[in-house]
């Protein structure tokens, strides 16, 4: 399969006394290979997280990826 580019924004703002889920979900369809994710954190730094397995929840922490 060729490269797949998706963009999502995580935000927790909601209405008065409420908040949104901070998790970001990507539907990859029939994609079964490990994927690489490029994250642009608030404030501008970018990090790459490689060889992430599909069909699972992954926690990405700022400062733990490759710059």
N, C-alpha and C. Protein backbone atom coordinates (compact mmCIF):
# COMPACT_ATOMS: atom_id res chain seq x y z
N UNK A 1 0.83 -1.18 0.00
CA UNK A 1 0.00 0.00 0.00
C UNK A 1 0.87 1.24 0.00
N UNK A 2 0.37 2.30 -0.57
CA UNK A 2 1.11 3.56 -0.61
C UNK A 2 0.91 4.33 0.69
N UNK A 3 1.57 5.48 0.78
CA UNK A 3 1.47 6.31 1.98
C UNK A 3 0.04 6.82 2.17
N UNK A 4 -0.36 6.91 3.40
CA UNK A 4 -1.68 7.39 3.76
C UNK A 4 -1.48 8.60 4.65
N UNK A 5 -2.02 9.75 4.27
CA UNK A 5 -1.85 10.96 5.06
C UNK A 5 -3.19 11.36 5.67
N UNK A 6 -3.21 11.42 7.00
CA UNK A 6 -4.40 11.82 7.73
C UNK A 6 -4.01 12.92 8.70
N UNK A 7 -4.93 13.81 8.99
CA UNK A 7 -4.65 14.89 9.92
C UNK A 7 -5.79 14.98 10.92
N UNK A 8 -5.42 15.03 12.20
CA UNK A 8 -6.40 15.19 13.27
C UNK A 8 -5.88 16.21 14.27
N UNK A 9 -6.78 16.90 14.94
CA UNK A 9 -6.41 17.87 15.97
C UNK A 9 -7.02 17.41 17.29
N UNK A 10 -6.18 17.30 18.32
CA UNK A 10 -6.67 16.95 19.65
C UNK A 10 -6.98 18.24 20.39
N UNK A 11 -8.15 18.31 20.98
CA UNK A 11 -8.51 19.48 21.77
C UNK A 11 -9.48 19.05 22.86
N UNK A 12 -9.41 19.70 23.99
CA UNK A 12 -10.29 19.34 25.10
C UNK A 12 -11.33 20.41 25.40
N UNK A 13 -11.35 21.47 24.62
CA UNK A 13 -12.33 22.51 24.88
C UNK A 13 -13.73 22.00 24.54
N UNK A 14 -14.68 22.43 25.31
CA UNK A 14 -16.06 22.07 25.09
C UNK A 14 -16.93 23.24 25.47
N UNK A 15 -18.09 22.95 25.97
CA UNK A 15 -18.94 24.03 26.46
C UNK A 15 -18.77 24.15 27.97
N UNK A 16 -19.56 24.97 28.58
CA UNK A 16 -19.47 25.24 30.01
C UNK A 16 -19.53 23.95 30.83
N UNK A 17 -18.53 23.73 31.70
CA UNK A 17 -18.42 22.57 32.59
C UNK A 17 -18.38 21.24 31.84
N UNK A 18 -17.81 21.24 30.64
CA UNK A 18 -17.65 19.99 29.90
C UNK A 18 -16.31 19.99 29.19
N UNK A 19 -15.91 18.83 28.75
CA UNK A 19 -14.65 18.70 28.02
C UNK A 19 -14.80 17.58 27.00
N UNK A 20 -13.94 17.61 25.99
CA UNK A 20 -13.93 16.58 24.96
C UNK A 20 -12.83 15.57 25.25
N UNK A 21 -12.96 14.39 24.71
CA UNK A 21 -11.95 13.35 24.83
C UNK A 21 -10.68 13.80 24.10
N UNK A 22 -9.52 13.69 24.75
CA UNK A 22 -8.27 14.15 24.13
C UNK A 22 -7.68 13.11 23.16
N UNK A 23 -8.21 11.89 23.19
CA UNK A 23 -7.68 10.86 22.29
C UNK A 23 -7.98 11.19 20.83
N UNK A 24 -7.06 10.82 19.96
CA UNK A 24 -7.23 11.05 18.53
C UNK A 24 -7.34 9.68 17.87
N UNK A 25 -8.41 9.47 17.13
CA UNK A 25 -8.66 8.16 16.51
C UNK A 25 -8.46 8.25 15.00
N UNK A 26 -7.73 7.28 14.45
CA UNK A 26 -7.52 7.20 13.01
C UNK A 26 -8.06 5.88 12.51
N UNK A 27 -8.98 5.93 11.59
CA UNK A 27 -9.47 4.72 10.94
C UNK A 27 -8.60 4.44 9.72
N UNK A 28 -7.93 3.30 9.70
CA UNK A 28 -6.98 2.99 8.63
C UNK A 28 -7.54 2.02 7.59
N UNK A 29 -8.82 1.69 7.70
CA UNK A 29 -9.43 0.81 6.71
C UNK A 29 -8.76 -0.55 6.67
N UNK A 30 -8.35 -0.98 5.48
CA UNK A 30 -7.74 -2.30 5.30
C UNK A 30 -6.24 -2.30 5.56
N UNK A 31 -5.70 -1.19 6.01
CA UNK A 31 -4.26 -1.08 6.26
C UNK A 31 -3.87 -2.06 7.37
N UNK A 32 -2.87 -2.92 7.12
CA UNK A 32 -2.47 -3.93 8.10
C UNK A 32 -1.01 -3.81 8.50
N UNK A 33 -0.26 -2.91 7.87
CA UNK A 33 1.16 -2.76 8.15
C UNK A 33 1.37 -1.82 9.32
N UNK A 34 2.57 -1.89 9.92
CA UNK A 34 2.95 -0.92 10.93
C UNK A 34 2.99 0.45 10.29
N UNK A 35 2.70 1.47 11.07
CA UNK A 35 2.62 2.83 10.53
C UNK A 35 3.59 3.77 11.24
N UNK A 36 3.90 4.87 10.59
CA UNK A 36 4.69 5.95 11.17
C UNK A 36 3.78 7.15 11.34
N UNK A 37 3.87 7.79 12.50
CA UNK A 37 3.02 8.94 12.81
C UNK A 37 3.91 10.15 13.05
N UNK A 38 3.58 11.26 12.41
CA UNK A 38 4.27 12.52 12.63
C UNK A 38 3.35 13.41 13.45
N UNK A 39 3.83 13.85 14.63
CA UNK A 39 3.03 14.68 15.52
C UNK A 39 3.62 16.08 15.57
N UNK A 40 2.76 17.08 15.40
CA UNK A 40 3.17 18.47 15.59
C UNK A 40 2.53 18.92 16.90
N UNK A 41 3.35 19.05 17.93
CA UNK A 41 2.88 19.40 19.26
C UNK A 41 2.56 20.90 19.33
N UNK A 42 1.71 21.28 20.29
CA UNK A 42 1.45 22.71 20.50
C UNK A 42 2.76 23.44 20.77
N UNK A 43 2.95 24.56 20.19
CA UNK A 43 4.19 25.30 20.35
C UNK A 43 5.17 25.04 19.22
N UNK A 44 4.86 24.07 18.32
CA UNK A 44 5.65 23.90 17.13
C UNK A 44 6.55 22.70 16.99
N UNK A 45 7.08 22.06 18.07
CA UNK A 45 8.00 20.94 17.83
C UNK A 45 7.29 19.78 17.13
N UNK A 46 8.03 19.09 16.27
CA UNK A 46 7.50 17.93 15.55
C UNK A 46 8.29 16.70 15.95
N UNK A 47 7.61 15.57 16.07
CA UNK A 47 8.25 14.30 16.40
C UNK A 47 7.67 13.19 15.54
N UNK A 48 8.48 12.21 15.25
CA UNK A 48 8.05 11.05 14.46
C UNK A 48 8.07 9.81 15.35
N UNK A 49 7.00 9.05 15.28
CA UNK A 49 6.89 7.79 16.01
C UNK A 49 6.72 6.70 14.96
N UNK A 50 7.69 5.80 14.87
CA UNK A 50 7.69 4.81 13.80
C UNK A 50 7.35 3.40 14.24
N UNK A 51 6.95 2.60 13.29
CA UNK A 51 6.65 1.19 13.45
C UNK A 51 5.58 0.93 14.51
N UNK A 52 4.52 1.74 14.49
CA UNK A 52 3.39 1.54 15.40
C UNK A 52 2.47 0.49 14.80
N UNK A 53 2.04 -0.43 15.61
CA UNK A 53 1.16 -1.49 15.14
C UNK A 53 -0.27 -0.96 14.99
N UNK A 54 -1.00 -1.51 14.03
CA UNK A 54 -2.38 -1.10 13.81
C UNK A 54 -3.31 -1.89 14.73
N UNK A 55 -4.57 -1.49 14.81
CA UNK A 55 -5.61 -2.14 15.63
C UNK A 55 -5.28 -2.15 17.11
N UNK A 56 -4.76 -1.04 17.61
CA UNK A 56 -4.50 -0.93 19.05
C UNK A 56 -4.44 0.54 19.44
N UNK A 57 -4.51 0.77 20.73
CA UNK A 57 -4.38 2.11 21.28
C UNK A 57 -2.92 2.35 21.62
N UNK A 58 -2.38 3.48 21.20
CA UNK A 58 -0.97 3.81 21.43
C UNK A 58 -0.91 5.16 22.13
N UNK A 59 -0.14 5.24 23.20
CA UNK A 59 0.06 6.50 23.92
C UNK A 59 1.36 7.13 23.44
N UNK A 60 1.26 8.32 22.86
CA UNK A 60 2.45 9.04 22.39
C UNK A 60 2.75 10.16 23.37
N UNK A 61 3.96 10.20 23.89
CA UNK A 61 4.38 11.23 24.84
C UNK A 61 5.36 12.18 24.20
N UNK A 62 5.12 13.47 24.39
CA UNK A 62 6.03 14.48 23.84
C UNK A 62 7.42 14.26 24.42
N UNK A 63 8.42 14.28 23.54
CA UNK A 63 9.80 14.09 23.95
C UNK A 63 10.29 12.66 23.82
N UNK A 64 9.40 11.72 23.47
CA UNK A 64 9.82 10.32 23.36
C UNK A 64 9.93 9.84 21.91
N UNK A 65 9.65 10.72 20.95
CA UNK A 65 9.76 10.36 19.54
C UNK A 65 11.09 10.81 18.97
N UNK A 66 11.20 10.66 17.65
CA UNK A 66 12.41 11.07 16.94
C UNK A 66 12.16 12.46 16.36
N UNK A 67 13.08 13.38 16.59
CA UNK A 67 12.91 14.74 16.08
C UNK A 67 13.26 14.82 14.61
